[in-house]
């Protein structure tokens, strides 16, 4: 099962809130496709690249959908989505913030 954390839902909401006027529907469609894409993790949880970063003793993995990194951990039988971060953002800073937000 894929579980979305509050943080990952906030990431999607912020993306939609920041959409420029006139592009709201495009942004909603993009995010819906991203959410649908994430379903692949349910059947193939280890498809994501291990990024050698631990949160609470879990290895963080990532898959990329167009211009967004999807960070997740495999916890028991579930894939827990931690964050959705734009690829233009500094990954080091994003992971430090993620760790602080999740802990």
Protein backbone atom coordinates (compact mmCIF):
# COMPACT_ATOMS: atom_id res chain seq x y z
CA UNK A 1 0.00 0.00 0.00
CA UNK A 2 1.14 3.56 -0.69
CA UNK A 3 0.81 5.90 2.28
CA UNK A 4 1.04 9.66 1.82
CA UNK A 5 2.45 11.63 4.75
CA UNK A 6 1.04 15.01 5.71
CA UNK A 7 4.28 16.53 4.43
CA UNK A 8 3.86 15.02 0.94
CA UNK A 9 0.24 16.17 0.75
CA UNK A 10 1.35 19.66 1.77
CA UNK A 11 3.94 19.60 -1.04
CA UNK A 12 1.21 18.87 -3.59
CA UNK A 13 -1.12 21.48 -2.12
CA UNK A 14 1.60 24.14 -2.17
CA UNK A 15 2.41 23.33 -5.79
CA UNK A 16 -1.24 23.76 -6.73
CA UNK A 17 -1.56 26.97 -4.69
CA UNK A 18 1.48 28.46 -6.42
CA UNK A 19 0.18 27.71 -9.92
CA UNK A 20 -0.01 30.86 -11.98
CA UNK A 21 -3.39 32.21 -12.90
CA UNK A 22 -4.70 30.42 -15.95
CA UNK A 23 -2.63 27.28 -15.32
CA UNK A 24 -4.57 25.85 -12.38
CA UNK A 25 -6.19 23.07 -14.42
CA UNK A 26 -2.84 22.14 -16.00
CA UNK A 27 -1.26 21.99 -12.55
CA UNK A 28 -4.09 19.80 -11.22
CA UNK A 29 -3.76 17.45 -14.20
CA UNK A 30 0.03 17.28 -13.74
CA UNK A 31 -0.30 16.45 -10.04
CA UNK A 32 -3.00 13.85 -10.68
CA UNK A 33 -0.69 12.13 -13.17
CA UNK A 34 2.15 12.30 -10.62
CA UNK A 35 -0.08 10.67 -7.99
CA UNK A 36 -1.11 7.98 -10.48
CA UNK A 37 2.56 7.43 -11.38
CA UNK A 38 3.42 6.83 -7.74
CA UNK A 39 1.12 3.78 -7.76
CA UNK A 40 3.96 1.89 -9.48
CA UNK A 41 5.69 1.82 -6.09
CA UNK A 42 2.89 -0.33 -4.70
CA UNK A 43 3.71 -3.19 -7.07
CA UNK A 44 7.45 -2.55 -7.32
CA UNK A 45 8.55 -0.82 -4.09
CA UNK A 46 12.25 -1.17 -4.77
CA UNK A 47 12.06 0.52 -8.17
CA UNK A 48 13.26 3.80 -6.66
CA UNK A 49 16.92 4.66 -6.44
CA UNK A 50 18.40 4.36 -2.95
CA UNK A 51 19.89 7.78 -2.23
CA UNK A 52 22.03 6.73 0.76
CA UNK A 53 20.08 8.84 3.23
CA UNK A 54 18.44 7.47 6.37
CA UNK A 55 15.38 8.70 8.23
CA UNK A 56 14.54 6.77 11.39
CA UNK A 57 16.68 3.83 10.20
CA UNK A 58 14.81 3.60 6.88
CA UNK A 59 16.61 4.00 3.57
CA UNK A 60 15.14 6.86 1.56
CA UNK A 61 14.45 6.09 -2.09
CA UNK A 62 13.42 8.34 -4.93
CA UNK A 63 11.65 8.12 -8.22
CA UNK A 64 11.37 11.02 -10.60
CA UNK A 65 8.25 12.13 -12.39
CA UNK A 66 9.05 14.78 -14.99
CA UNK A 67 10.28 17.69 -12.84
CA UNK A 68 9.58 16.30 -9.37
CA UNK A 69 11.46 13.95 -7.08
CA UNK A 70 9.27 11.65 -5.04
CA UNK A 71 11.00 10.59 -1.83
CA UNK A 72 9.76 7.53 0.02
CA UNK A 73 10.71 4.75 2.40
CA UNK A 74 9.67 1.13 2.47
CA UNK A 75 8.17 0.38 5.86
CA UNK A 76 6.94 -3.18 6.37
CA UNK A 77 4.62 -3.84 3.42
CA UNK A 78 4.05 -0.15 2.67
CA UNK A 79 5.69 2.58 0.66
CA UNK A 80 5.51 5.79 2.67
CA UNK A 81 5.72 8.92 0.52
CA UNK A 82 7.74 11.50 2.45
CA UNK A 83 7.94 14.44 0.06
CA UNK A 84 7.46 15.70 -3.47
CA UNK A 85 10.25 18.15 -4.34
CA UNK A 86 10.96 20.00 -7.60
CA UNK A 87 14.15 18.87 -9.31
CA UNK A 88 15.51 22.44 -9.43
CA UNK A 89 15.79 22.54 -5.63
CA UNK A 90 19.08 21.65 -3.94
CA UNK A 91 18.69 18.01 -2.93
CA UNK A 92 20.98 18.33 0.10
CA UNK A 93 18.98 21.20 1.58
CA UNK A 94 15.71 19.49 0.70
CA UNK A 95 16.74 16.28 2.48
CA UNK A 96 17.92 18.14 5.59
CA UNK A 97 14.60 19.98 5.73
CA UNK A 98 12.75 16.72 5.12
CA UNK A 99 14.58 15.01 7.97
CA UNK A 100 13.82 17.93 10.29
CA UNK A 101 10.13 17.99 9.26
CA UNK A 102 9.64 14.22 9.56
CA UNK A 103 11.45 13.77 12.87
